Amino acid sequence: MRFTLNGQPVSYGGSGARRLLDVLREDLGKTGTKEGCGEGECGACSVIVDGEVVDSCLVAAGQVEGCNVTTVEGLADGGRLTALQQAFIAYGAAQCGICTPGMLLAAHVLLQRTRRPGADDVREGLAGNLCRCTGYTKIIEAVLSCAT
């Protein structure tokens, strides 16, 4: 099976029935994608598939054949953090780090689709991601700081 991962073509010869989460972490070394609940409820394992945020714990690897997949590692440009990643640091939006990759990816898609989101837009855009540390205020502030 072949797909594009963070802008690079990859092929995977294992079972297409394996969870995309496991293939990314165990076979392709993209450990930024985290497992939280394993049930699609927390968003820690979120990735972007063809422009849509999905829970990789619910996606069979075979479903991404021919698709473009982006993990949190794919946001940084040559190791340079994006403005959104820098804002998460500056605003203290990342604490334990389990939810951070999913939050970043969901916020990235939101900011691509909505030029000037308000706080309610951010809350809705991040609704599939649970955080147990920050109380969301710092995350929302970080995302809003990147709205243009």
C-alpha atoms as a PDB file:
ATOM      1  CA  MET A   1       0.000   0.000   0.000  1.00  0.00           C
ATOM      2  CA  ARG A   2       1.258   3.462  -0.897  1.00  0.00           C
ATOM      3  CA  PHE A   3       0.367   6.879   0.443  1.00  0.00           C
ATOM      4  CA  THR A   4       1.972  10.246   1.066  1.00  0.00           C
ATOM      5  CA  LEU A   5       3.100  10.914   4.632  1.00  0.00           C
ATOM      6  CA  ASN A   6       4.103  14.434   5.560  1.00  0.00           C
ATOM      7  CA  GLY A   7       4.788  15.211   1.916  1.00  0.00           C
ATOM      8  CA  GLN A   8       6.876  12.103   1.257  1.00  0.00           C
ATOM      9  CA  PRO A   9       5.744   8.961  -0.572  1.00  0.00           C
ATOM     10  CA  VAL A  10       5.754   5.859   1.622  1.00  0.00           C
ATOM     11  CA  SER A  11       4.813   2.264   1.139  1.00  0.00           C
ATOM     12  CA  TYR A  12       3.630  -0.158   3.762  1.00  0.00           C
ATOM     13  CA  GLY A  13       3.640  -3.884   3.152  1.00  0.00           C
ATOM     14  CA  GLY A  14       1.815  -5.033   6.271  1.00  0.00           C
ATOM     15  CA  SER A  15      -1.828  -5.756   6.889  1.00  0.00           C
ATOM     16  CA  GLY A  16      -4.221  -3.094   5.673  1.00  0.00           C
ATOM     17  CA  ALA A  17      -6.464  -4.035   8.599  1.00  0.00           C
ATOM     18  CA  ARG A  18      -4.014  -2.663  11.178  1.00  0.00           C
ATOM     19  CA  ARG A  19      -4.910   0.637  12.780  1.00  0.00           C
ATOM     20  CA  LEU A  20      -3.312   3.604  11.066  1.00  0.00           C
ATOM     21  CA  LEU A  21      -2.204   4.738  14.533  1.00  0.00           C
ATOM     22  CA  ASP A  22      -0.106   1.594  14.992  1.00  0.00           C
ATOM     23  CA  VAL A  23       1.379   1.753  11.497  1.00  0.00           C
ATOM     24  CA  LEU A  24       2.380   5.392  11.993  1.00  0.00           C
ATOM     25  CA  ARG A  25       3.934   4.854  15.414  1.00  0.00           C
ATOM     26  CA  GLU A  26       5.394   1.356  15.188  1.00  0.00           C
ATOM     27  CA  ASP A  27       6.278   0.947  11.521  1.00  0.00           C
ATOM     28  CA  LEU A  28       6.886   4.488  10.299  1.00  0.00           C
ATOM     29  CA  GLY A  29       8.333   6.031  13.485  1.00  0.00           C
ATOM     30  CA  LYS A  30       5.862   8.919  13.732  1.00  0.00           C
ATOM     31  CA  THR A  31       5.522   8.821  17.498  1.00  0.00           C
ATOM     32  CA  GLY A  32       4.089  12.333  17.724  1.00  0.00           C
ATOM     33  CA  THR A  33       0.727  10.703  17.095  1.00  0.00           C
ATOM     34  CA  LYS A  34      -0.441   9.591  20.548  1.00  0.00           C
ATOM     35  CA  GLU A  35      -2.876   6.945  21.714  1.00  0.00           C
ATOM     36  CA  GLY A  36      -5.257   8.229  24.328  1.00  0.00           C
ATOM     37  CA  CYS A  37      -8.468   6.251  24.531  1.00  0.00           C
ATOM     38  CA  GLY A  38      -8.225   3.931  21.512  1.00  0.00           C
ATOM     39  CA  GLU A  39     -11.939   4.528  20.905  1.00  0.00           C
ATOM     40  CA  GLY A  40     -12.036   7.751  18.872  1.00  0.00           C
ATOM     41  CA  GLU A  41     -13.226   9.850  21.789  1.00  0.00           C
ATOM     42  CA  CYS A  42     -10.191  11.916  22.805  1.00  0.00           C
ATOM     43  CA  GLY A  43      -8.468  13.117  19.613  1.00  0.00           C
ATOM     44  CA  ALA A  44      -4.915  12.384  20.837  1.00  0.00           C
ATOM     45  CA  CYS A  45      -4.324  10.226  17.767  1.00  0.00           C
ATOM     46  CA  SER A  46      -5.639  12.784  15.280  1.00  0.00           C
ATOM     47  CA  VAL A  47      -3.990  13.052  11.889  1.00  0.00           C
ATOM     48  CA  ILE A  48      -5.013  14.866   8.720  1.00  0.00           C
ATOM     49  CA  VAL A  49      -6.079  12.649   5.812  1.00  0.00           C
ATOM     50  CA  ASP A  50      -6.716  14.509   2.572  1.00  0.00           C
ATOM     51  CA  GLY A  51      -7.450  17.708   4.484  1.00  0.00           C
ATOM     52  CA  GLU A  52      -9.771  16.184   7.095  1.00  0.00           C
ATOM     53  CA  VAL A  53      -8.920  15.572  10.751  1.00  0.00           C
ATOM     54  CA  VAL A  54      -9.472  11.896  11.611  1.00  0.00           C
ATOM     55  CA  ASP A  55      -8.829   9.685  14.624  1.00  0.00           C
ATOM     56  CA  SER A  56      -6.117   7.309  13.447  1.00  0.00           C
ATOM     57  CA  CYS A  57      -7.163   4.736  16.050  1.00  0.00           C
ATOM     58  CA  LEU A  58     -10.393   4.239  14.075  1.00  0.00           C
ATOM     59  CA  VAL A  59      -8.857   4.116  10.588  1.00  0.00           C
ATOM     60  CA  ALA A  60      -7.559   0.929   9.011  1.00  0.00           C
ATOM     61  CA  ALA A  61      -4.233   1.507   7.298  1.00  0.00           C
ATOM     62  CA  GLY A  62      -5.705   0.234   4.035  1.00  0.00           C
ATOM     63  CA  GLN A  63      -8.113   3.162   4.010  1.00  0.00           C
ATOM     64  CA  VAL A  64      -5.307   5.657   3.340  1.00  0.00           C
ATOM     65  CA  GLU A  65      -4.125   4.006   0.122  1.00  0.00           C
ATOM     66  CA  GLY A  66      -3.351   6.875  -2.254  1.00  0.00           C
ATOM     67  CA  CYS A  67      -4.136   9.527   0.362  1.00  0.00           C
ATOM     68  CA  ASN A  68      -2.150  12.419   1.793  1.00  0.00           C
ATOM     69  CA  VAL A  69      -1.581  11.901   5.522  1.00  0.00           C
ATOM     70  CA  THR A  70      -0.129  14.569   7.807  1.00  0.00           C
ATOM     71  CA  THR A  71       1.020  13.921  11.354  1.00  0.00           C
ATOM     72  CA  VAL A  72       2.168  16.555  13.827  1.00  0.00           C
ATOM     73  CA  GLU A  73       5.723  15.962  12.586  1.00  0.00           C
ATOM     74  CA  GLY A  74       4.578  17.188   9.184  1.00  0.00           C
ATOM     75  CA  LEU A  75       3.590  20.640  10.452  1.00  0.00           C
ATOM     76  CA  ALA A  76       7.132  21.887  11.074  1.00  0.00           C
ATOM     77  CA  ASP A  77       9.016  23.040   7.992  1.00  0.00           C
ATOM     78  CA  GLY A  78      12.463  21.477   8.014  1.00  0.00           C
ATOM     79  CA  GLY A  79      12.485  21.404  11.797  1.00  0.00           C
ATOM     80  CA  ARG A  80      11.299  25.022  12.050  1.00  0.00           C
ATOM     81  CA  LEU A  81       8.169  25.288  14.179  1.00  0.00           C
ATOM     82  CA  THR A  82       5.111  26.921  12.676  1.00  0.00           C
ATOM     83  CA  ALA A  83       3.603  30.051  14.203  1.00  0.00           C
ATOM     84  CA  LEU A  84       0.881  27.840  15.687  1.00  0.00           C
ATOM     85  CA  GLN A  85       3.392  25.515  17.342  1.00  0.00           C
ATOM     86  CA  GLN A  86       5.311  28.513  18.679  1.00  0.00           C
ATOM     87  CA  ALA A  87       2.062  29.987  20.034  1.00  0.00           C
ATOM     88  CA  PHE A  88       1.311  26.757  21.916  1.00  0.00           C
ATOM     89  CA  ILE A  89       4.687  27.139  23.618  1.00  0.00           C
ATOM     90  CA  ALA A  90       4.351  30.870  24.279  1.00  0.00           C
ATOM     91  CA  TYR A  91       0.834  30.585  25.722  1.00  0.00           C
ATOM     92  CA  GLY A  92       1.540  27.470  27.787  1.00  0.00           C
ATOM     93  CA  ALA A  93      -1.033  25.533  25.765  1.00  0.00           C
ATOM     94  CA  ALA A  94       0.960  22.299  25.947  1.00  0.00           C
ATOM     95  CA  GLN A  95       1.298  20.710  29.345  1.00  0.00           C
ATOM     96  CA  CYS A  96       1.444  16.920  29.558  1.00  0.00           C
ATOM     97  CA  GLY A  97       1.611  16.683  25.755  1.00  0.00           C
ATOM     98  CA  ILE A  98      -0.846  13.851  25.132  1.00  0.00           C
ATOM     99  CA  CYS A  99      -3.496  16.039  23.487  1.00  0.00           C
ATOM    100  CA  THR A 100      -1.093  18.523  21.906  1.00  0.00           C
ATOM    101  CA  PRO A 101      -0.521  16.805  18.532  1.00  0.00           C
ATOM    102  CA  GLY A 102      -4.245  16.399  17.922  1.00  0.00           C
ATOM    103  CA  MET A 103      -4.983  19.927  19.088  1.00  0.00           C
ATOM    104  CA  LEU A 104      -2.310  21.328  16.771  1.00  0.00           C
ATOM    105  CA  LEU A 105      -3.606  19.417  13.762  1.00  0.00           C
ATOM    106  CA  ALA A 106      -7.238  20.359  14.415  1.00  0.00           C
ATOM    107  CA  ALA A 107      -6.251  24.003  14.935  1.00  0.00           C
ATOM    108  CA  HIS A 108      -4.130  23.919  11.770  1.00  0.00           C
ATOM    109  CA  VAL A 109      -7.117  22.763   9.695  1.00  0.00           C
ATOM    110  CA  LEU A 110      -9.387  25.318  11.384  1.00  0.00           C
ATOM    111  CA  LEU A 111      -6.977  28.160  10.597  1.00  0.00           C
ATOM    112  CA  GLN A 112      -6.719  27.017   6.978  1.00  0.00           C
ATOM    113  CA  ARG A 113     -10.496  27.068   6.598  1.00  0.00           C
ATOM    114  CA  THR A 114     -11.429  30.096   8.722  1.00  0.00           C
ATOM    115  CA  ARG A 115      -9.363  33.248   8.322  1.00  0.00           C
ATOM    116  CA  ARG A 116     -10.561  35.056  11.435  1.00  0.00           C
ATOM    117  CA  PRO A 117     -12.064  32.527  13.815  1.00  0.00           C
ATOM    118  CA  GLY A 118     -13.569  33.682  17.085  1.00  0.00           C
ATOM    119  CA  ALA A 119     -13.330  31.806  20.365  1.00  0.00           C
ATOM    120  CA  ASP A 120     -16.537  29.886  19.600  1.00  0.00           C
ATOM    121  CA  ASP A 121     -15.127  28.822  16.221  1.00  0.00           C
ATOM    122  CA  VAL A 122     -11.986  27.543  17.933  1.00  0.00           C
ATOM    123  CA  ARG A 123     -14.013  25.640  20.523  1.00  0.00           C
ATOM    124  CA  GLU A 124     -16.024  24.001  17.743  1.00  0.00           C
ATOM    125  CA  GLY A 125     -12.925  23.282  15.651  1.00  0.00           C
ATOM    126  CA  LEU A 126     -11.231  21.559  18.588  1.00  0.00           C
ATOM    127  CA  ALA A 127     -14.378  19.815  19.859  1.00  0.00           C
ATOM    128  CA  GLY A 128     -13.092  16.307  19.076  1.00  0.00           C
ATOM    129  CA  ASN A 129      -9.999  16.792  21.223  1.00  0.00           C
ATOM    130  CA  LEU A 130      -9.976  16.374  24.985  1.00  0.00           C
ATOM    131  CA  CYS A 131      -7.468  18.010  27.306  1.00  0.00           C
ATOM    132  CA  ARG A 132      -7.234  17.167  30.972  1.00  0.00           C
ATOM    133  CA  CYS A 133      -4.510  19.660  31.912  1.00  0.00           C
ATOM    134  CA  THR A 134      -5.036  23.173  30.554  1.00  0.00           C
ATOM    135  CA  GLY A 135      -8.758  23.807  30.847  1.00  0.00           C
ATOM    136  CA  TYR A 136      -8.676  24.889  27.152  1.00  0.00           C
ATOM    137  CA  THR A 137      -8.250  28.621  27.836  1.00  0.00           C
ATOM    138  CA  LYS A 138      -4.552  28.671  26.944  1.00  0.00           C
ATOM    139  CA  ILE A 139      -5.154  26.498  23.882  1.00  0.00           C
ATOM    140  CA  ILE A 140      -7.900  28.796  22.604  1.00  0.00           C
ATOM    141  CA  GLU A 141      -5.730  31.873  23.234  1.00  0.00           C
ATOM    142  CA  ALA A 142      -2.829  30.287  21.346  1.00  0.00           C
ATOM    143  CA  VAL A 143      -5.003  29.477  18.338  1.00  0.00           C
ATOM    144  CA  LEU A 144      -6.609  32.922  18.317  1.00  0.00           C
ATOM    145  CA  SER A 145      -3.178  34.536  18.387  1.00  0.00           C
ATOM    146  CA  CYS A 146      -2.491  32.916  14.997  1.00  0.00           C
ATOM    147  CA  ALA A 147      -5.732  34.021  13.343  1.00  0.00           C
ATOM    148  CA  THR A 148      -5.099  36.539  10.572  1.00  0.00           C
END
